[in-house]
């Protein structure tokens, strides 16, 4: 968790190095559902309430795919929360 250790000098130096590196990167931070889910759990979520972890995790996955296909946050950290 970069945010929890942001003031540490080694981490600050590492962040400066990767921020200036030509590599295209985005750091994704997402909460865990804390459940033992499989891919089948996400195949049919129609009718589930919006606060169901499967619905929320599928939205996070869609956000990650969107960032991979159309990068908008290069050299940044993005956080997904539910």
PDB file of N, CA and C in Angstrom:
ATOM      1  N   UNK A   1       0.848  -1.178   0.000  1.00  0.00           N
ATOM      2  CA  UNK A   1       0.000   0.000   0.000  1.00  0.00           C
ATOM      3  C   UNK A   1       0.889   1.235   0.000  1.00  0.00           C
ATOM      4  N   UNK A   2       1.023   1.855  -1.158  1.00  0.00           N
ATOM      5  CA  UNK A   2       1.876   3.037  -1.275  1.00  0.00           C
ATOM      6  C   UNK A   2       1.425   4.174  -0.373  1.00  0.00           C
ATOM      7  N   UNK A   3       0.133   4.380  -0.257  1.00  0.00           N
ATOM      8  CA  UNK A   3      -0.354   5.501   0.536  1.00  0.00           C
ATOM      9  C   UNK A   3       0.005   5.360   2.011  1.00  0.00           C
ATOM     10  N   UNK A   4      -0.023   4.169   2.534  1.00  0.00           N
ATOM     11  CA  UNK A   4       0.291   3.951   3.945  1.00  0.00           C
ATOM     12  C   UNK A   4       1.764   4.198   4.252  1.00  0.00           C
ATOM     13  N   UNK A   5       2.619   4.097   3.237  1.00  0.00           N
ATOM     14  CA  UNK A   5       4.060   4.252   3.438  1.00  0.00           C
ATOM     15  C   UNK A   5       4.631   5.416   2.629  1.00  0.00           C
ATOM     16  N   UNK A   6       3.801   6.352   2.221  1.00  0.00           N
ATOM     17  CA  UNK A   6       4.209   7.426   1.314  1.00  0.00           C
ATOM     18  C   UNK A   6       5.332   8.295   1.861  1.00  0.00           C
ATOM     19  N   UNK A   7       5.456   8.412   3.165  1.00  0.00           N
ATOM     20  CA  UNK A   7       6.472   9.284   3.751  1.00  0.00           C
ATOM     21  C   UNK A   7       7.836   8.618   3.908  1.00  0.00           C
ATOM     22  N   UNK A   8       7.928   7.340   3.674  1.00  0.00           N
ATOM     23  CA  UNK A   8       9.201   6.646   3.825  1.00  0.00           C
ATOM     24  C   UNK A   8      10.147   7.049   2.698  1.00  0.00           C
ATOM     25  N   UNK A   9      11.375   7.389   3.048  1.00  0.00           N
ATOM     26  CA  UNK A   9      12.320   7.934   2.069  1.00  0.00           C
ATOM     27  C   UNK A   9      12.622   6.960   0.928  1.00  0.00           C
ATOM     28  N   UNK A  10      12.752   5.669   1.224  1.00  0.00           N
ATOM     29  CA  UNK A  10      13.037   4.696   0.162  1.00  0.00           C
ATOM     30  C   UNK A  10      11.884   4.611  -0.824  1.00  0.00           C
ATOM     31  N   UNK A  11      10.670   4.634  -0.314  1.00  0.00           N
ATOM     32  CA  UNK A  11       9.507   4.575  -1.191  1.00  0.00           C
ATOM     33  C   UNK A  11       9.387   5.854  -2.008  1.00  0.00           C
ATOM     34  N   UNK A  12       9.641   6.983  -1.386  1.00  0.00           N
ATOM     35  CA  UNK A  12       9.582   8.254  -2.112  1.00  0.00           C
ATOM     36  C   UNK A  12      10.602   8.262  -3.246  1.00  0.00           C
ATOM     37  N   UNK A  13      11.804   7.763  -2.990  1.00  0.00           N
ATOM     38  CA  UNK A  13      12.829   7.696  -4.033  1.00  0.00           C
ATOM     39  C   UNK A  13      12.412   6.743  -5.147  1.00  0.00           C
ATOM     40  N   UNK A  14      11.849   5.610  -4.788  1.00  0.00           N
ATOM     41  CA  UNK A  14      11.384   4.649  -5.799  1.00  0.00           C
ATOM     42  C   UNK A  14      10.280   5.249  -6.653  1.00  0.00           C
ATOM     43  N   UNK A  15       9.359   5.970  -6.033  1.00  0.00           N
ATOM     44  CA  UNK A  15       8.265   6.593  -6.791  1.00  0.00           C
ATOM     45  C   UNK A  15       8.802   7.631  -7.766  1.00  0.00           C
ATOM     46  N   UNK A  16       9.819   8.382  -7.376  1.00  0.00           N
ATOM     47  CA  UNK A  16      10.411   9.367  -8.276  1.00  0.00           C
ATOM     48  C   UNK A  16      11.072   8.683  -9.464  1.00  0.00           C
ATOM     49  N   UNK A  17      11.748   7.566  -9.208  1.00  0.00           N
ATOM     50  CA  UNK A  17      12.401   6.835 -10.295  1.00  0.00           C
ATOM     51  C   UNK A  17      11.392   6.283 -11.292  1.00  0.00           C
ATOM     52  N   UNK A  18      10.342   5.651 -10.797  1.00  0.00           N
ATOM     53  CA  UNK A  18       9.382   5.073 -11.737  1.00  0.00           C
ATOM     54  C   UNK A  18       8.545   6.149 -12.422  1.00  0.00           C
ATOM     55  N   UNK A  19       8.349   7.283 -11.779  1.00  0.00           N
ATOM     56  CA  UNK A  19       7.586   8.365 -12.404  1.00  0.00           C
ATOM     57  C   UNK A  19       8.327   8.937 -13.604  1.00  0.00           C
ATOM     58  N   UNK A  20       9.651   8.923 -13.571  1.00  0.00           N
ATOM     59  CA  UNK A  20      10.430   9.482 -14.672  1.00  0.00           C
ATOM     60  C   UNK A  20      10.836   8.429 -15.701  1.00  0.00           C
ATOM     61  N   UNK A  21      10.544   7.176 -15.449  1.00  0.00           N
ATOM     62  CA  UNK A  21      10.921   6.081 -16.352  1.00  0.00           C
ATOM     63  C   UNK A  21      10.017   6.093 -17.584  1.00  0.00           C
ATOM     64  N   UNK A  22      10.559   5.781 -18.768  1.00  0.00           N
ATOM     65  CA  UNK A  22       9.735   5.780 -19.985  1.00  0.00           C
ATOM     66  C   UNK A  22       8.712   4.638 -20.057  1.00  0.00           C
ATOM     67  N   UNK A  23       8.829   3.662 -19.186  1.00  0.00           N
ATOM     68  CA  UNK A  23       7.866   2.567 -19.162  1.00  0.00           C
ATOM     69  C   UNK A  23       6.463   3.109 -18.918  1.00  0.00           C
ATOM     70  N   UNK A  24       5.503   2.623 -19.667  1.00  0.00           N
ATOM     71  CA  UNK A  24       4.110   3.029 -19.469  1.00  0.00           C
ATOM     72  C   UNK A  24       3.507   2.151 -18.383  1.00  0.00           C
ATOM     73  N   UNK A  25       3.131   2.761 -17.259  1.00  0.00           N
ATOM     74  CA  UNK A  25       2.603   1.989 -16.142  1.00  0.00           C
ATOM     75  C   UNK A  25       1.478   2.749 -15.475  1.00  0.00           C
ATOM     76  N   UNK A  26       0.603   1.999 -14.837  1.00  0.00           N
ATOM     77  CA  UNK A  26      -0.452   2.519 -13.971  1.00  0.00           C
ATOM     78  C   UNK A  26      -0.556   1.560 -12.796  1.00  0.00           C
ATOM     79  N   UNK A  27      -0.520   2.097 -11.606  1.00  0.00           N
ATOM     80  CA  UNK A  27      -0.650   1.284 -10.404  1.00  0.00           C
ATOM     81  C   UNK A  27      -2.120   1.237 -10.022  1.00  0.00           C
ATOM     82  N   UNK A  28      -2.663   0.037  -9.921  1.00  0.00           N
ATOM     83  CA  UNK A  28      -4.076  -0.138  -9.577  1.00  0.00           C
ATOM     84  C   UNK A  28      -4.175  -0.686  -8.167  1.00  0.00           C
ATOM     85  N   UNK A  29      -4.966  -0.014  -7.362  1.00  0.00           N
ATOM     86  CA  UNK A  29      -5.201  -0.423  -5.983  1.00  0.00           C
ATOM     87  C   UNK A  29      -6.696  -0.668  -5.841  1.00  0.00           C
ATOM     88  N   UNK A  30      -7.067  -1.872  -5.460  1.00  0.00           N
ATOM     89  CA  UNK A  30      -8.487  -2.208  -5.317  1.00  0.00           C
ATOM     90  C   UNK A  30      -8.705  -3.004  -4.040  1.00  0.00           C
ATOM     91  N   UNK A  31      -9.856  -2.813  -3.468  1.00  0.00           N
ATOM     92  CA  UNK A  31     -10.224  -3.552  -2.261  1.00  0.00           C
ATOM     93  C   UNK A  31     -10.449  -5.021  -2.604  1.00  0.00           C
ATOM     94  N   UNK A  32     -10.355  -5.853  -1.613  1.00  0.00           N
ATOM     95  CA  UNK A  32     -10.656  -7.265  -1.799  1.00  0.00           C
ATOM     96  C   UNK A  32     -12.072  -7.546  -1.314  1.00  0.00           C
ATOM     97  N   UNK A  33     -12.714  -8.490  -1.934  1.00  0.00           N
ATOM     98  CA  UNK A  33     -14.065  -8.861  -1.508  1.00  0.00           C
ATOM     99  C   UNK A  33     -14.009  -9.778  -0.297  1.00  0.00           C
ATOM    100  N   UNK A  34     -12.833 -10.346  -0.055  1.00  0.00           N
ATOM    101  CA  UNK A  34     -12.691 -11.238   1.081  1.00  0.00           C
ATOM    102  C   UNK A  34     -13.427 -12.546   0.920  1.00  0.00           C
ATOM    103  N   UNK A  35     -13.765 -12.879  -0.300  1.00  0.00           N
ATOM    104  CA  UNK A  35     -14.504 -14.110  -0.561  1.00  0.00           C
ATOM    105  C   UNK A  35     -13.718 -14.984  -1.525  1.00  0.00           C
ATOM    106  N   UNK A  36     -14.050 -16.238  -1.542  1.00  0.00           N
ATOM    107  CA  UNK A  36     -13.411 -17.181  -2.446  1.00  0.00           C
ATOM    108  C   UNK A  36     -14.266 -17.284  -3.699  1.00  0.00           C
ATOM    109  N   UNK A  37     -14.050 -16.372  -4.644  1.00  0.00           N
ATOM    110  CA  UNK A  37     -14.867 -16.324  -5.856  1.00  0.00           C
ATOM    111  C   UNK A  37     -14.114 -16.940  -7.022  1.00  0.00           C
ATOM    112  N   UNK A  38     -14.860 -17.457  -7.984  1.00  0.00           N
ATOM    113  CA  UNK A  38     -14.266 -17.989  -9.205  1.00  0.00           C
ATOM    114  C   UNK A  38     -14.857 -17.236 -10.392  1.00  0.00           C
ATOM    115  N   UNK A  39     -14.319 -17.478 -11.560  1.00  0.00           N
ATOM    116  CA  UNK A  39     -14.783 -16.794 -12.769  1.00  0.00           C
ATOM    117  C   UNK A  39     -16.261 -17.065 -13.032  1.00  0.00           C
ATOM    118  N   UNK A  40     -16.738 -18.237 -12.656  1.00  0.00           N
ATOM    119  CA  UNK A  40     -18.147 -18.574 -12.860  1.00  0.00           C
ATOM    120  C   UNK A  40     -19.069 -17.664 -12.050  1.00  0.00           C
ATOM    121  N   UNK A  41     -18.578 -17.161 -10.932  1.00  0.00           N
ATOM    122  CA  UNK A  41     -19.388 -16.271 -10.100  1.00  0.00           C
ATOM    123  C   UNK A  41     -19.708 -14.951 -10.801  1.00  0.00           C
ATOM    124  N   UNK A  42     -18.962 -14.622 -11.845  1.00  0.00           N
ATOM    125  CA  UNK A  42     -19.156 -13.354 -12.541  1.00  0.00           C
ATOM    126  C   UNK A  42     -19.878 -13.510 -13.871  1.00  0.00           C
ATOM    127  N   UNK A  43     -20.204 -14.727 -14.255  1.00  0.00           N
ATOM    128  CA  UNK A  43     -20.796 -14.956 -15.571  1.00  0.00           C
ATOM    129  C   UNK A  43     -22.238 -14.487 -15.665  1.00  0.00           C
ATOM    130  N   UNK A  44     -22.982 -14.544 -14.595  1.00  0.00           N
ATOM    131  CA  UNK A  44     -24.385 -14.122 -14.634  1.00  0.00           C
ATOM    132  C   UNK A  44     -24.703 -13.325 -13.377  1.00  0.00           C
ATOM    133  N   UNK A  45     -24.629 -12.002 -13.509  1.00  0.00           N
ATOM    134  CA  UNK A  45     -24.906 -11.153 -12.352  1.00  0.00           C
ATOM    135  C   UNK A  45     -26.185 -10.343 -12.537  1.00  0.00           C
ATOM    136  N   UNK A  46     -26.910 -10.605 -13.629  1.00  0.00           N
ATOM    137  CA  UNK A  46     -28.174  -9.899 -13.863  1.00  0.00           C
ATOM    138  C   UNK A  46     -29.123 -10.122 -12.693  1.00  0.00           C
ATOM    139  N   UNK A  47     -29.725  -9.051 -12.237  1.00  0.00           N
ATOM    140  CA  UNK A  47     -30.698  -9.145 -11.161  1.00  0.00           C
ATOM    141  C   UNK A  47     -30.112  -9.070  -9.762  1.00  0.00           C
ATOM    142  N   UNK A  48     -28.788  -9.080  -9.658  1.00  0.00           N
ATOM    143  CA  UNK A  48     -28.172  -8.957  -8.336  1.00  0.00           C
ATOM    144  C   UNK A  48     -28.197  -7.496  -7.896  1.00  0.00           C
ATOM    145  N   UNK A  49     -28.305  -7.235  -6.602  1.00  0.00           N
ATOM    146  CA  UNK A  49     -28.294  -5.846  -6.136  1.00  0.00           C
ATOM    147  C   UNK A  49     -26.933  -5.189  -6.402  1.00  0.00           C
ATOM    148  N   UNK A  50     -26.931  -3.880  -6.584  1.00  0.00           N
ATOM    149  CA  UNK A  50     -25.694  -3.172  -6.930  1.00  0.00           C
ATOM    150  C   UNK A  50     -24.631  -3.249  -5.838  1.00  0.00           C
ATOM    151  N   UNK A  51     -25.024  -3.556  -4.611  1.00  0.00           N
ATOM    152  CA  UNK A  51     -24.029  -3.660  -3.539  1.00  0.00           C
ATOM    153  C   UNK A  51     -23.466  -5.077  -3.379  1.00  0.00           C
ATOM    154  N   UNK A  52     -23.872  -6.003  -4.230  1.00  0.00           N
ATOM    155  CA  UNK A  52     -23.328  -7.362  -4.195  1.00  0.00           C
ATOM    156  C   UNK A  52     -21.851  -7.297  -4.614  1.00  0.00           C
ATOM    157  N   UNK A  53     -20.958  -7.967  -3.884  1.00  0.00           N
ATOM    158  CA  UNK A  53     -19.530  -7.918  -4.210  1.00  0.00           C
ATOM    159  C   UNK A  53     -19.215  -8.343  -5.640  1.00  0.00           C
ATOM    160  N   UNK A  54     -19.973  -9.277  -6.187  1.00  0.00           N
ATOM    161  CA  UNK A  54     -19.712  -9.719  -7.564  1.00  0.00           C
ATOM    162  C   UNK A  54     -19.977  -8.602  -8.560  1.00  0.00           C
ATOM    163  N   UNK A  55     -21.020  -7.829  -8.331  1.00  0.00           N
ATOM    164  CA  UNK A  55     -21.338  -6.699  -9.210  1.00  0.00           C
ATOM    165  C   UNK A  55     -20.242  -5.644  -9.090  1.00  0.00           C
ATOM    166  N   UNK A  56     -19.841  -5.345  -7.880  1.00  0.00           N
ATOM    167  CA  UNK A  56     -18.828  -4.320  -7.658  1.00  0.00           C
ATOM    168  C   UNK A  56     -17.467  -4.736  -8.211  1.00  0.00           C
ATOM    169  N   UNK A  57     -17.084  -5.994  -8.021  1.00  0.00           N
ATOM    170  CA  UNK A  57     -15.811  -6.470  -8.554  1.00  0.00           C
ATOM    171  C   UNK A  57     -15.821  -6.507 -10.078  1.00  0.00           C
ATOM    172  N   UNK A  58     -16.950  -6.812 -10.664  1.00  0.00           N
ATOM    173  CA  UNK A  58     -17.036  -6.809 -12.127  1.00  0.00           C
ATOM    174  C   UNK A  58     -16.866  -5.388 -12.658  1.00  0.00           C
ATOM    175  N   UNK A  59     -17.384  -4.392 -11.936  1.00  0.00           N
ATOM    176  CA  UNK A  59     -17.187  -2.993 -12.335  1.00  0.00           C
ATOM    177  C   UNK A  59     -15.710  -2.600 -12.234  1.00  0.00           C
ATOM    178  N   UNK A  60     -15.053  -3.058 -11.178  1.00  0.00           N
ATOM    179  CA  UNK A  60     -13.625  -2.778 -11.033  1.00  0.00           C
ATOM    180  C   UNK A  60     -12.847  -3.412 -12.186  1.00  0.00           C
ATOM    181  N   UNK A  61     -13.177  -4.648 -12.523  1.00  0.00           N
ATOM    182  CA  UNK A  61     -12.516  -5.328 -13.643  1.00  0.00           C
ATOM    183  C   UNK A  61     -12.742  -4.568 -14.943  1.00  0.00           C
ATOM    184  N   UNK A  62     -13.950  -4.066 -15.152  1.00  0.00           N
ATOM    185  CA  UNK A  62     -14.246  -3.289 -16.360  1.00  0.00           C
ATOM    186  C   UNK A  62     -13.416  -2.009 -16.383  1.00  0.00           C
ATOM    187  N   UNK A  63     -13.241  -1.380 -15.227  1.00  0.00           N
ATOM    188  CA  UNK A  63     -12.407  -0.180 -15.147  1.00  0.00           C
ATOM    189  C   UNK A  63     -10.957  -0.471 -15.470  1.00  0.00           C
ATOM    190  N   UNK A  64     -10.464  -1.618 -15.025  1.00  0.00           N
ATOM    191  CA  UNK A  64      -9.087  -2.010 -15.325  1.00  0.00           C
ATOM    192  C   UNK A  64      -8.907  -2.276 -16.817  1.00  0.00           C
ATOM    193  N   UNK A  65      -9.865  -2.961 -17.413  1.00  0.00           N
ATOM    194  CA  UNK A  65      -9.802  -3.233 -18.851  1.00  0.00           C
ATOM    195  C   UNK A  65      -9.838  -1.925 -19.630  1.00  0.00           C
ATOM    196  N   UNK A  66     -10.699  -1.006 -19.221  1.00  0.00           N
ATOM    197  CA  UNK A  66     -10.783   0.296 -19.874  1.00  0.00           C
ATOM    198  C   UNK A  66      -9.440   1.028 -19.800  1.00  0.00           C
ATOM    199  N   UNK A  67      -8.796   0.968 -18.655  1.00  0.00           N
ATOM    200  CA  UNK A  67      -7.488   1.624 -18.501  1.00  0.00           C
ATOM    201  C   UNK A  67      -6.436   0.954 -19.382  1.00  0.00           C
ATOM    202  N   UNK A  68      -6.497  -0.362 -19.533  1.00  0.00           N
ATOM    203  CA  UNK A  68      -5.554  -1.058 -20.415  1.00  0.00           C
ATOM    204  C   UNK A  68      -5.769  -0.689 -21.877  1.00  0.00           C
ATOM    205  N   UNK A  69      -7.025  -0.584 -22.283  1.00  0.00           N
ATOM    206  CA  UNK A  69      -7.334  -0.314 -23.685  1.00  0.00           C
ATOM    207  C   UNK A  69      -7.185   1.156 -24.053  1.00  0.00           C
ATOM    208  N   UNK A  70      -7.523   2.050 -23.132  1.00  0.00           N
ATOM    209  CA  UNK A  70      -7.442   3.493 -23.382  1.00  0.00           C
ATOM    210  C   UNK A  70      -6.819   4.178 -22.169  1.00  0.00           C
ATOM    211  N   UNK A  71      -5.503   4.090 -22.036  1.00  0.00           N
ATOM    212  CA  UNK A  71      -4.844   4.626 -20.839  1.00  0.00           C
ATOM    213  C   UNK A  71      -5.130   6.112 -20.622  1.00  0.00           C
ATOM    214  N   UNK A  72      -5.602   6.434 -19.445  1.00  0.00           N
ATOM    215  CA  UNK A  72      -5.870   7.815 -19.053  1.00  0.00           C
ATOM    216  C   UNK A  72      -5.074   8.202 -17.809  1.00  0.00           C
ATOM    217  N   UNK A  73      -4.393   7.246 -17.194  1.00  0.00           N
ATOM    218  CA  UNK A  73      -3.722   7.491 -15.918  1.00  0.00           C
ATOM    219  C   UNK A  73      -2.284   6.972 -15.937  1.00  0.00           C
ATOM    220  N   UNK A  74      -1.553   7.235 -17.010  1.00  0.00           N
ATOM    221  CA  UNK A  74      -0.169   6.782 -17.078  1.00  0.00           C
ATOM    222  C   UNK A  74       0.651   7.467 -15.988  1.00  0.00           C
ATOM    223  N   UNK A  75       1.534   6.695 -15.382  1.00  0.00           N
ATOM    224  CA  UNK A  75       2.409   7.164 -14.300  1.00  0.00           C
ATOM    225  C   UNK A  75       1.611   7.677 -13.110  1.00  0.00           C
ATOM    226  N   UNK A  76       0.469   7.064 -12.865  1.00  0.00           N
ATOM    227  CA  UNK A  76      -0.376   7.450 -11.741  1.00  0.00           C
ATOM    228  C   UNK A  76      -0.867   6.203 -11.014  1.00  0.00           C
ATOM    229  N   UNK A  77      -1.343   6.420  -9.816  1.00  0.00           N
ATOM    230  CA  UNK A  77      -1.996   5.363  -9.046  1.00  0.00           C
ATOM    231  C   UNK A  77      -3.490   5.634  -9.084  1.00  0.00           C
ATOM    232  N   UNK A  78      -4.262   4.613  -9.419  1.00  0.00           N
ATOM    233  CA  UNK A  78      -5.715   4.752  -9.362  1.00  0.00           C
ATOM    234  C   UNK A  78      -6.244   3.773  -8.325  1.00  0.00           C
ATOM    235  N   UNK A  79      -7.299   4.184  -7.660  1.00  0.00           N
ATOM    236  CA  UNK A  79      -7.882   3.354  -6.605  1.00  0.00           C
ATOM    237  C   UNK A  79      -9.338   3.081  -6.922  1.00  0.00           C
ATOM    238  N   UNK A  80      -9.709   1.836  -6.781  1.00  0.00           N
ATOM    239  CA  UNK A  80     -11.099   1.424  -6.927  1.00  0.00           C
ATOM    240  C   UNK A  80     -11.596   1.011  -5.548  1.00  0.00           C
ATOM    241  N   UNK A  81     -12.707   1.573  -5.131  1.00  0.00           N
ATOM    242  CA  UNK A  81     -13.286   1.247  -3.826  1.00  0.00           C
ATOM    243  C   UNK A  81     -14.730   0.798  -4.000  1.00  0.00           C
ATOM    244  N   UNK A  82     -15.164  -0.062  -3.121  1.00  0.00           N
ATOM    245  CA  UNK A  82     -16.582  -0.414  -3.067  1.00  0.00           C
ATOM    246  C   UNK A  82     -16.989  -0.642  -1.653  1.00  0.00           C
TER     247      UNK A  82
END
